[in-house]
Amino acid sequence: RGLGVGAALVRAIEDAARAHGLTAVDLHAQTHALRFYERLGYEPYGPEFMDAGIAHRAMRRAI
């Protein structure tokens, strides 16, 4: 944590999505990680939901 590896991985995924002609990326974030994704430009939408016993929110970012 704190080394920028997570952000670099997210940016690489966004680059790959762009290369395939996509205009947005959606993800399901564990609620404790919402701020991390918000700092990368993702916005939460919809209600909180449980996945594998862990609270999540759907998030999206236009690319």
C-alpha atoms as a PDB file:
ATOM      1  CA  ARG A   1       0.000   0.000   0.000  1.00  0.00           C
ATOM      2  CA  GLY A   2       1.030   3.568  -0.632  1.00  0.00           C
ATOM      3  CA  LEU A   3       3.407   2.713  -3.478  1.00  0.00           C
ATOM      4  CA  GLY A   4       1.003   3.470  -6.342  1.00  0.00           C
ATOM      5  CA  VAL A   5       0.791  -0.141  -7.528  1.00  0.00           C
ATOM      6  CA  GLY A   6      -3.003  -0.335  -7.191  1.00  0.00           C
ATOM      7  CA  ALA A   7      -3.518   2.916  -9.098  1.00  0.00           C
ATOM      8  CA  ALA A   8      -1.114   1.749 -11.824  1.00  0.00           C
ATOM      9  CA  LEU A   9      -3.074  -1.497 -12.212  1.00  0.00           C
ATOM     10  CA  VAL A  10      -6.375   0.372 -12.485  1.00  0.00           C
ATOM     11  CA  ARG A  11      -4.894   2.738 -15.100  1.00  0.00           C
ATOM     12  CA  ALA A  12      -3.556  -0.235 -17.090  1.00  0.00           C
ATOM     13  CA  ILE A  13      -7.046  -1.775 -17.100  1.00  0.00           C
ATOM     14  CA  GLU A  14      -8.505   1.552 -18.257  1.00  0.00           C
ATOM     15  CA  ASP A  15      -5.915   1.744 -21.054  1.00  0.00           C
ATOM     16  CA  ALA A  16      -6.827  -1.789 -22.182  1.00  0.00           C
ATOM     17  CA  ALA A  17     -10.535  -0.911 -22.067  1.00  0.00           C
ATOM     18  CA  ARG A  18      -9.898   2.187 -24.218  1.00  0.00           C
ATOM     19  CA  ALA A  19      -7.895   0.087 -26.688  1.00  0.00           C
ATOM     20  CA  HIS A  20     -10.964  -2.136 -27.062  1.00  0.00           C
ATOM     21  CA  GLY A  21     -13.199   0.862 -27.766  1.00  0.00           C
ATOM     22  CA  LEU A  22     -14.918   1.047 -24.392  1.00  0.00           C
ATOM     23  CA  THR A  23     -15.978   4.426 -23.025  1.00  0.00           C
ATOM     24  CA  ALA A  24     -16.462   3.529 -19.342  1.00  0.00           C
ATOM     25  CA  VAL A  25     -15.240   1.094 -16.720  1.00  0.00           C
ATOM     26  CA  ASP A  26     -17.538  -0.368 -14.067  1.00  0.00           C
ATOM     27  CA  LEU A  27     -16.355  -2.203 -10.971  1.00  0.00           C
ATOM     28  CA  HIS A  28     -17.636  -3.577  -7.680  1.00  0.00           C
ATOM     29  CA  ALA A  29     -15.620  -2.072  -4.828  1.00  0.00           C
ATOM     30  CA  GLN A  30     -15.507  -3.251  -1.264  1.00  0.00           C
ATOM     31  CA  THR A  31     -16.935  -0.353   0.731  1.00  0.00           C
ATOM     32  CA  HIS A  32     -13.696   0.154   2.680  1.00  0.00           C
ATOM     33  CA  ALA A  33     -11.955   0.851  -0.682  1.00  0.00           C
ATOM     34  CA  LEU A  34     -14.430   3.470  -1.975  1.00  0.00           C
ATOM     35  CA  ARG A  35     -12.095   6.413  -1.311  1.00  0.00           C
ATOM     36  CA  PHE A  36      -9.282   4.735  -3.249  1.00  0.00           C
ATOM     37  CA  TYR A  37     -11.468   4.427  -6.358  1.00  0.00           C
ATOM     38  CA  GLU A  38     -13.013   7.879  -5.874  1.00  0.00           C
ATOM     39  CA  ARG A  39      -9.501   9.363  -5.957  1.00  0.00           C
ATOM     40  CA  LEU A  40      -9.088   7.656  -9.341  1.00  0.00           C
ATOM     41  CA  GLY A  41     -12.278   9.281 -10.658  1.00  0.00           C
ATOM     42  CA  TYR A  42     -14.820   6.512 -10.021  1.00  0.00           C
ATOM     43  CA  GLU A  43     -18.298   7.381  -8.782  1.00  0.00           C
ATOM     44  CA  PRO A  44     -20.478   5.022  -6.744  1.00  0.00           C
ATOM     45  CA  TYR A  45     -23.989   4.221  -7.932  1.00  0.00           C
ATOM     46  CA  GLY A  46     -26.797   2.008  -6.742  1.00  0.00           C
ATOM     47  CA  PRO A  47     -27.280   0.502  -3.308  1.00  0.00           C
ATOM     48  CA  GLU A  48     -24.701  -1.261  -1.190  1.00  0.00           C
ATOM     49  CA  PHE A  49     -24.780  -5.037  -1.652  1.00  0.00           C
ATOM     50  CA  MET A  50     -23.134  -8.071  -0.162  1.00  0.00           C
ATOM     51  CA  ASP A  51     -20.698 -10.243  -2.111  1.00  0.00           C
ATOM     52  CA  ALA A  52     -18.926 -13.145  -0.374  1.00  0.00           C
ATOM     53  CA  GLY A  53     -20.096 -11.695   2.937  1.00  0.00           C
ATOM     54  CA  ILE A  54     -18.410  -8.319   2.268  1.00  0.00           C
ATOM     55  CA  ALA A  55     -20.248  -5.023   1.628  1.00  0.00           C
ATOM     56  CA  HIS A  56     -19.693  -3.607  -1.886  1.00  0.00           C
ATOM     57  CA  ARG A  57     -20.821  -0.692  -4.061  1.00  0.00           C
ATOM     58  CA  ALA A  58     -20.927  -0.511  -7.843  1.00  0.00           C
ATOM     59  CA  MET A  59     -18.718   2.246  -9.293  1.00  0.00           C
ATOM     60  CA  ARG A  60     -18.191   3.716 -12.758  1.00  0.00           C
ATOM     61  CA  ARG A  61     -15.720   6.013 -14.507  1.00  0.00           C
ATOM     62  CA  ALA A  62     -15.966   7.377 -18.023  1.00  0.00           C
ATOM     63  CA  ILE A  63     -12.687   6.904 -19.885  1.00  0.00           C
END
